[in-house]
Amino acid sequence: MHTMTVAFAWLTIVIACGLFVGTLFATHIGRRQMAQPFHANAFIEYAWATMPWLIVALCLSPAVHRILTTS
């Protein structure tokens, strides 16, 4: 049972990382296709795309740490 929990945790982490990369990629592609960018500074757009992911990661990190370190 424990092995299944760890495998599910790793699968969830991999999926979340893929979604994070997809979010940044979509932001990059969307910015390139716009005639006039939403902001003159690209960093602001990438920061707004990254912020929700950082909040979720910080909230979940204690639980993930506990699942992966518990034997």
PDB file of N, CA and C in Angstrom:
ATOM      1  N   MET A   1       0.826  -1.195   0.000  1.00  0.00           N
ATOM      2  CA  MET A   1       0.000   0.000   0.000  1.00  0.00           C
ATOM      3  C   MET A   1       0.868   1.256   0.000  1.00  0.00           C
ATOM      4  N   HIS A   2       1.929   1.261   0.804  1.00  0.00           N
ATOM      5  CA  HIS A   2       2.785   2.436   0.892  1.00  0.00           C
ATOM      6  C   HIS A   2       3.477   2.711  -0.448  1.00  0.00           C
ATOM      7  N   THR A   3       3.914   1.669  -1.141  1.00  0.00           N
ATOM      8  CA  THR A   3       4.569   1.843  -2.437  1.00  0.00           C
ATOM      9  C   THR A   3       3.628   2.499  -3.435  1.00  0.00           C
ATOM     10  N   MET A   4       2.369   2.132  -3.366  1.00  0.00           N
ATOM     11  CA  MET A   4       1.385   2.727  -4.258  1.00  0.00           C
ATOM     12  C   MET A   4       1.192   4.220  -3.955  1.00  0.00           C
ATOM     13  N   THR A   5       1.221   4.594  -2.702  1.00  0.00           N
ATOM     14  CA  THR A   5       1.075   5.995  -2.298  1.00  0.00           C
ATOM     15  C   THR A   5       2.251   6.823  -2.810  1.00  0.00           C
ATOM     16  N   VAL A   6       3.454   6.291  -2.663  1.00  0.00           N
ATOM     17  CA  VAL A   6       4.645   6.997  -3.134  1.00  0.00           C
ATOM     18  C   VAL A   6       4.618   7.114  -4.657  1.00  0.00           C
ATOM     19  N   ALA A   7       4.227   6.050  -5.343  1.00  0.00           N
ATOM     20  CA  ALA A   7       4.142   6.086  -6.800  1.00  0.00           C
ATOM     21  C   ALA A   7       3.120   7.128  -7.256  1.00  0.00           C
ATOM     22  N   PHE A   8       1.994   7.187  -6.581  1.00  0.00           N
ATOM     23  CA  PHE A   8       0.971   8.176  -6.913  1.00  0.00           C
ATOM     24  C   PHE A   8       1.474   9.589  -6.638  1.00  0.00           C
ATOM     25  N   ALA A   9       2.212   9.777  -5.559  1.00  0.00           N
ATOM     26  CA  ALA A   9       2.772  11.097  -5.240  1.00  0.00           C
ATOM     27  C   ALA A   9       3.743  11.537  -6.333  1.00  0.00           C
ATOM     28  N   TRP A  10       4.629  10.633  -6.758  1.00  0.00           N
ATOM     29  CA  TRP A  10       5.578  10.973  -7.825  1.00  0.00           C
ATOM     30  C   TRP A  10       4.863  11.256  -9.141  1.00  0.00           C
ATOM     31  N   LEU A  11       3.842  10.480  -9.452  1.00  0.00           N
ATOM     32  CA  LEU A  11       3.069  10.706 -10.667  1.00  0.00           C
ATOM     33  C   LEU A  11       2.408  12.084 -10.630  1.00  0.00           C
ATOM     34  N   THR A  12       1.863  12.440  -9.502  1.00  0.00           N
ATOM     35  CA  THR A  12       1.228  13.741  -9.339  1.00  0.00           C
ATOM     36  C   THR A  12       2.245  14.871  -9.493  1.00  0.00           C
ATOM     37  N   ILE A  13       3.430  14.695  -8.936  1.00  0.00           N
ATOM     38  CA  ILE A  13       4.491  15.701  -9.050  1.00  0.00           C
ATOM     39  C   ILE A  13       4.908  15.867 -10.506  1.00  0.00           C
ATOM     40  N   VAL A  14       5.066  14.761 -11.215  1.00  0.00           N
ATOM     41  CA  VAL A  14       5.462  14.818 -12.629  1.00  0.00           C
ATOM     42  C   VAL A  14       4.388  15.522 -13.462  1.00  0.00           C
ATOM     43  N   ILE A  15       3.129  15.198 -13.227  1.00  0.00           N
ATOM     44  CA  ILE A  15       2.035  15.847 -13.954  1.00  0.00           C
ATOM     45  C   ILE A  15       2.002  17.338 -13.651  1.00  0.00           C
ATOM     46  N   ALA A  16       2.175  17.715 -12.392  1.00  0.00           N
ATOM     47  CA  ALA A  16       2.173  19.135 -12.016  1.00  0.00           C
ATOM     48  C   ALA A  16       3.327  19.877 -12.680  1.00  0.00           C
ATOM     49  N   CYS A  17       4.497  19.262 -12.735  1.00  0.00           N
ATOM     50  CA  CYS A  17       5.639  19.900 -13.403  1.00  0.00           C
ATOM     51  C   CYS A  17       5.366  20.082 -14.896  1.00  0.00           C
ATOM     52  N   GLY A  18       4.755  19.080 -15.512  1.00  0.00           N
ATOM     53  CA  GLY A  18       4.391  19.192 -16.921  1.00  0.00           C
ATOM     54  C   GLY A  18       3.395  20.306 -17.164  1.00  0.00           C
ATOM     55  N   LEU A  19       2.424  20.438 -16.291  1.00  0.00           N
ATOM     56  CA  LEU A  19       1.443  21.513 -16.424  1.00  0.00           C
ATOM     57  C   LEU A  19       2.082  22.883 -16.212  1.00  0.00           C
ATOM     58  N   PHE A  20       3.026  22.962 -15.292  1.00  0.00           N
ATOM     59  CA  PHE A  20       3.739  24.218 -15.055  1.00  0.00           C
ATOM     60  C   PHE A  20       4.518  24.637 -16.299  1.00  0.00           C
ATOM     61  N   VAL A  21       5.237  23.694 -16.893  1.00  0.00           N
ATOM     62  CA  VAL A  21       5.990  23.990 -18.113  1.00  0.00           C
ATOM     63  C   VAL A  21       5.026  24.380 -19.237  1.00  0.00           C
ATOM     64  N   GLY A  22       3.888  23.695 -19.323  1.00  0.00           N
ATOM     65  CA  GLY A  22       2.891  24.036 -20.329  1.00  0.00           C
ATOM     66  C   GLY A  22       2.343  25.435 -20.148  1.00  0.00           C
ATOM     67  N   THR A  23       2.146  25.845 -18.907  1.00  0.00           N
ATOM     68  CA  THR A  23       1.668  27.200 -18.624  1.00  0.00           C
ATOM     69  C   THR A  23       2.670  28.247 -19.096  1.00  0.00           C
ATOM     70  N   LEU A  24       3.945  28.029 -18.783  1.00  0.00           N
ATOM     71  CA  LEU A  24       4.969  28.982 -19.219  1.00  0.00           C
ATOM     72  C   LEU A  24       5.102  28.983 -20.742  1.00  0.00           C
ATOM     73  N   PHE A  25       5.012  27.819 -21.362  1.00  0.00           N
ATOM     74  CA  PHE A  25       5.094  27.730 -22.818  1.00  0.00           C
ATOM     75  C   PHE A  25       3.926  28.458 -23.478  1.00  0.00           C
ATOM     76  N   ALA A  26       2.715  28.261 -22.937  1.00  0.00           N
ATOM     77  CA  ALA A  26       1.543  28.941 -23.482  1.00  0.00           C
ATOM     78  C   ALA A  26       1.655  30.451 -23.316  1.00  0.00           C
ATOM     79  N   THR A  27       2.198  30.895 -22.201  1.00  0.00           N
ATOM     80  CA  THR A  27       2.411  32.325 -21.988  1.00  0.00           C
ATOM     81  C   THR A  27       3.403  32.870 -23.010  1.00  0.00           C
ATOM     82  N   HIS A  28       4.452  32.120 -23.251  1.00  0.00           N
ATOM     83  CA  HIS A  28       5.478  32.538 -24.214  1.00  0.00           C
ATOM     84  C   HIS A  28       4.904  32.609 -25.627  1.00  0.00           C
ATOM     85  N   ILE A  29       4.189  31.577 -26.042  1.00  0.00           N
ATOM     86  CA  ILE A  29       3.604  31.547 -27.381  1.00  0.00           C
ATOM     87  C   ILE A  29       2.553  32.650 -27.529  1.00  0.00           C
ATOM     88  N   GLY A  30       1.713  32.816 -26.528  1.00  0.00           N
ATOM     89  CA  GLY A  30       0.692  33.858 -26.579  1.00  0.00           C
ATOM     90  C   GLY A  30       1.299  35.238 -26.674  1.00  0.00           C
ATOM     91  N   ARG A  31       2.388  35.450 -25.961  1.00  0.00           N
ATOM     92  CA  ARG A  31       3.057  36.752 -26.002  1.00  0.00           C
ATOM     93  C   ARG A  31       3.645  37.016 -27.379  1.00  0.00           C
ATOM     94  N   ARG A  32       4.202  35.990 -28.007  1.00  0.00           N
ATOM     95  CA  ARG A  32       4.798  36.167 -29.339  1.00  0.00           C
ATOM     96  C   ARG A  32       3.740  36.439 -30.398  1.00  0.00           C
ATOM     97  N   GLN A  33       2.537  35.890 -30.229  1.00  0.00           N
ATOM     98  CA  GLN A  33       1.493  36.029 -31.242  1.00  0.00           C
ATOM     99  C   GLN A  33       0.698  37.325 -31.118  1.00  0.00           C
ATOM    100  N   MET A  34       0.807  38.000 -30.005  1.00  0.00           N
ATOM    101  CA  MET A  34       0.055  39.249 -29.810  1.00  0.00           C
ATOM    102  C   MET A  34       0.716  40.376 -30.583  1.00  0.00           C
ATOM    103  N   ALA A  35      -0.120  41.224 -31.202  1.00  0.00           N
ATOM    104  CA  ALA A  35       0.417  42.392 -31.913  1.00  0.00           C
ATOM    105  C   ALA A  35       1.025  43.369 -30.915  1.00  0.00           C
ATOM    106  N   GLN A  36       0.324  43.560 -29.791  1.00  0.00           N
ATOM    107  CA  GLN A  36       0.829  44.428 -28.738  1.00  0.00           C
ATOM    108  C   GLN A  36       0.733  43.659 -27.432  1.00  0.00           C
ATOM    109  N   PRO A  37       1.867  43.380 -26.776  1.00  0.00           N
ATOM    110  CA  PRO A  37       1.848  42.612 -25.526  1.00  0.00           C
ATOM    111  C   PRO A  37       1.020  43.310 -24.435  1.00  0.00           C
ATOM    112  N   PHE A  38       0.515  42.506 -23.512  1.00  0.00           N
ATOM    113  CA  PHE A  38      -0.272  43.023 -22.398  1.00  0.00           C
ATOM    114  C   PHE A  38       0.573  43.960 -21.541  1.00  0.00           C
ATOM    115  N   HIS A  39       1.825  43.573 -21.316  1.00  0.00           N
ATOM    116  CA  HIS A  39       2.778  44.403 -20.567  1.00  0.00           C
ATOM    117  C   HIS A  39       4.006  44.613 -21.433  1.00  0.00           C
ATOM    118  N   ALA A  40       4.650  45.727 -21.262  1.00  0.00           N
ATOM    119  CA  ALA A  40       5.898  45.970 -21.983  1.00  0.00           C
ATOM    120  C   ALA A  40       7.000  45.063 -21.451  1.00  0.00           C
ATOM    121  N   ASN A  41       6.899  44.703 -20.191  1.00  0.00           N
ATOM    122  CA  ASN A  41       7.904  43.861 -19.552  1.00  0.00           C
ATOM    123  C   ASN A  41       7.415  42.409 -19.533  1.00  0.00           C
ATOM    124  N   ALA A  42       8.124  41.524 -20.204  1.00  0.00           N
ATOM    125  CA  ALA A  42       7.738  40.116 -20.265  1.00  0.00           C
ATOM    126  C   ALA A  42       7.843  39.453 -18.895  1.00  0.00           C
ATOM    127  N   PHE A  43       8.755  39.920 -18.061  1.00  0.00           N
ATOM    128  CA  PHE A  43       8.933  39.323 -16.732  1.00  0.00           C
ATOM    129  C   PHE A  43       7.650  39.384 -15.923  1.00  0.00           C
ATOM    130  N   ILE A  44       6.911  40.457 -16.052  1.00  0.00           N
ATOM    131  CA  ILE A  44       5.655  40.602 -15.303  1.00  0.00           C
ATOM    132  C   ILE A  44       4.657  39.529 -15.724  1.00  0.00           C
ATOM    133  N   GLU A  45       4.555  39.276 -17.017  1.00  0.00           N
ATOM    134  CA  GLU A  45       3.620  38.249 -17.487  1.00  0.00           C
ATOM    135  C   GLU A  45       4.031  36.860 -17.007  1.00  0.00           C
ATOM    136  N   TYR A  46       5.329  36.557 -17.062  1.00  0.00           N
ATOM    137  CA  TYR A  46       5.797  35.254 -16.598  1.00  0.00           C
ATOM    138  C   TYR A  46       5.641  35.126 -15.080  1.00  0.00           C
ATOM    139  N   ALA A  47       5.838  36.216 -14.365  1.00  0.00           N
ATOM    140  CA  ALA A  47       5.662  36.175 -12.908  1.00  0.00           C
ATOM    141  C   ALA A  47       4.207  35.890 -12.547  1.00  0.00           C
ATOM    142  N   TRP A  48       3.262  36.525 -13.244  1.00  0.00           N
ATOM    143  CA  TRP A  48       1.844  36.275 -12.969  1.00  0.00           C
ATOM    144  C   TRP A  48       1.444  34.855 -13.353  1.00  0.00           C
ATOM    145  N   ALA A  49       2.088  34.279 -14.362  1.00  0.00           N
ATOM    146  CA  ALA A  49       1.788  32.902 -14.744  1.00  0.00           C
ATOM    147  C   ALA A  49       2.395  31.910 -13.750  1.00  0.00           C
ATOM    148  N   THR A  50       3.480  32.299 -13.108  1.00  0.00           N
ATOM    149  CA  THR A  50       4.193  31.413 -12.186  1.00  0.00           C
ATOM    150  C   THR A  50       3.652  31.474 -10.763  1.00  0.00           C
ATOM    151  N   MET A  51       3.126  32.613 -10.353  1.00  0.00           N
ATOM    152  CA  MET A  51       2.708  32.815  -8.967  1.00  0.00           C
ATOM    153  C   MET A  51       1.720  31.771  -8.432  1.00  0.00           C
ATOM    154  N   PRO A  52       0.652  31.420  -9.157  1.00  0.00           N
ATOM    155  CA  PRO A  52      -0.262  30.406  -8.615  1.00  0.00           C
ATOM    156  C   PRO A  52       0.412  29.054  -8.392  1.00  0.00           C
ATOM    157  N   TRP A  53       1.334  28.708  -9.285  1.00  0.00           N
ATOM    158  CA  TRP A  53       2.046  27.437  -9.132  1.00  0.00           C
ATOM    159  C   TRP A  53       2.946  27.446  -7.904  1.00  0.00           C
ATOM    160  N   LEU A  54       3.574  28.568  -7.632  1.00  0.00           N
ATOM    161  CA  LEU A  54       4.416  28.665  -6.445  1.00  0.00           C
ATOM    162  C   LEU A  54       3.595  28.573  -5.164  1.00  0.00           C
ATOM    163  N   ILE A  55       2.435  29.192  -5.160  1.00  0.00           N
ATOM    164  CA  ILE A  55       1.561  29.121  -3.990  1.00  0.00           C
ATOM    165  C   ILE A  55       1.124  27.687  -3.733  1.00  0.00           C
ATOM    166  N   VAL A  56       0.714  26.988  -4.786  1.00  0.00           N
ATOM    167  CA  VAL A  56       0.295  25.588  -4.642  1.00  0.00           C
ATOM    168  C   VAL A  56       1.462  24.727  -4.183  1.00  0.00           C
ATOM    169  N   ALA A  57       2.641  24.930  -4.763  1.00  0.00           N
ATOM    170  CA  ALA A  57       3.814  24.142  -4.382  1.00  0.00           C
ATOM    171  C   ALA A  57       4.178  24.362  -2.914  1.00  0.00           C
ATOM    172  N   LEU A  58       4.119  25.600  -2.464  1.00  0.00           N
ATOM    173  CA  LEU A  58       4.435  25.882  -1.063  1.00  0.00           C
ATOM    174  C   LEU A  58       3.409  25.262  -0.110  1.00  0.00           C
ATOM    175  N   CYS A  59       2.151  25.255  -0.511  1.00  0.00           N
ATOM    176  CA  CYS A  59       1.113  24.659   0.336  1.00  0.00           C
ATOM    177  C   CYS A  59       1.236  23.137   0.388  1.00  0.00           C
ATOM    178  N   LEU A  60       1.639  22.532  -0.712  1.00  0.00           N
ATOM    179  CA  LEU A  60       1.702  21.069  -0.765  1.00  0.00           C
ATOM    180  C   LEU A  60       3.036  20.482  -0.321  1.00  0.00           C
ATOM    181  N   SER A  61       4.065  21.280  -0.241  1.00  0.00           N
ATOM    182  CA  SER A  61       5.388  20.738   0.060  1.00  0.00           C
ATOM    183  C   SER A  61       5.468  19.973   1.386  1.00  0.00           C
ATOM    184  N   PRO A  62       4.831  20.410   2.478  1.00  0.00           N
ATOM    185  CA  PRO A  62       4.907  19.601   3.702  1.00  0.00           C
ATOM    186  C   PRO A  62       4.245  18.206   3.540  1.00  0.00           C
ATOM    187  N   ALA A  63       3.122  18.157   2.847  1.00  0.00           N
ATOM    188  CA  ALA A  63       2.453  16.880   2.650  1.00  0.00           C
ATOM    189  C   ALA A  63       3.261  15.946   1.764  1.00  0.00           C
ATOM    190  N   VAL A  64       3.808  16.489   0.696  1.00  0.00           N
ATOM    191  CA  VAL A  64       4.626  15.667  -0.213  1.00  0.00           C
ATOM    192  C   VAL A  64       5.862  15.184   0.512  1.00  0.00           C
ATOM    193  N   HIS A  65       6.493  16.048   1.274  1.00  0.00           N
ATOM    194  CA  HIS A  65       7.676  15.652   2.044  1.00  0.00           C
ATOM    195  C   HIS A  65       7.341  14.523   3.018  1.00  0.00           C
ATOM    196  N   ARG A  66       6.223  14.643   3.678  1.00  0.00           N
ATOM    197  CA  ARG A  66       5.837  13.611   4.647  1.00  0.00           C
ATOM    198  C   ARG A  66       5.538  12.273   3.965  1.00  0.00           C
ATOM    199  N   ILE A  67       4.857  12.318   2.819  1.00  0.00           N
ATOM    200  CA  ILE A  67       4.546  11.084   2.101  1.00  0.00           C
ATOM    201  C   ILE A  67       5.825  10.396   1.611  1.00  0.00           C
ATOM    202  N   LEU A  68       6.747  11.189   1.079  1.00  0.00           N
ATOM    203  CA  LEU A  68       7.961  10.600   0.494  1.00  0.00           C
ATOM    204  C   LEU A  68       8.990  10.180   1.528  1.00  0.00           C
ATOM    205  N   THR A  69       8.948  10.721   2.733  1.00  0.00           N
ATOM    206  CA  THR A  69       9.930  10.348   3.749  1.00  0.00           C
ATOM    207  C   THR A  69       9.401   9.305   4.734  1.00  0.00           C
ATOM    208  N   THR A  70       8.103   9.091   4.767  1.00  0.00           N
ATOM    209  CA  THR A  70       7.541   8.099   5.687  1.00  0.00           C
ATOM    210  C   THR A  70       7.796   6.711   5.143  1.00  0.00           C
ATOM    211  N   SER A  71       8.290   5.818   5.992  1.00  0.00           N
ATOM    212  CA  SER A  71       8.526   4.456   5.508  1.00  0.00           C
ATOM    213  C   SER A  71       7.565   3.462   6.069  1.00  0.00           C
TER     214      SER A  71
END
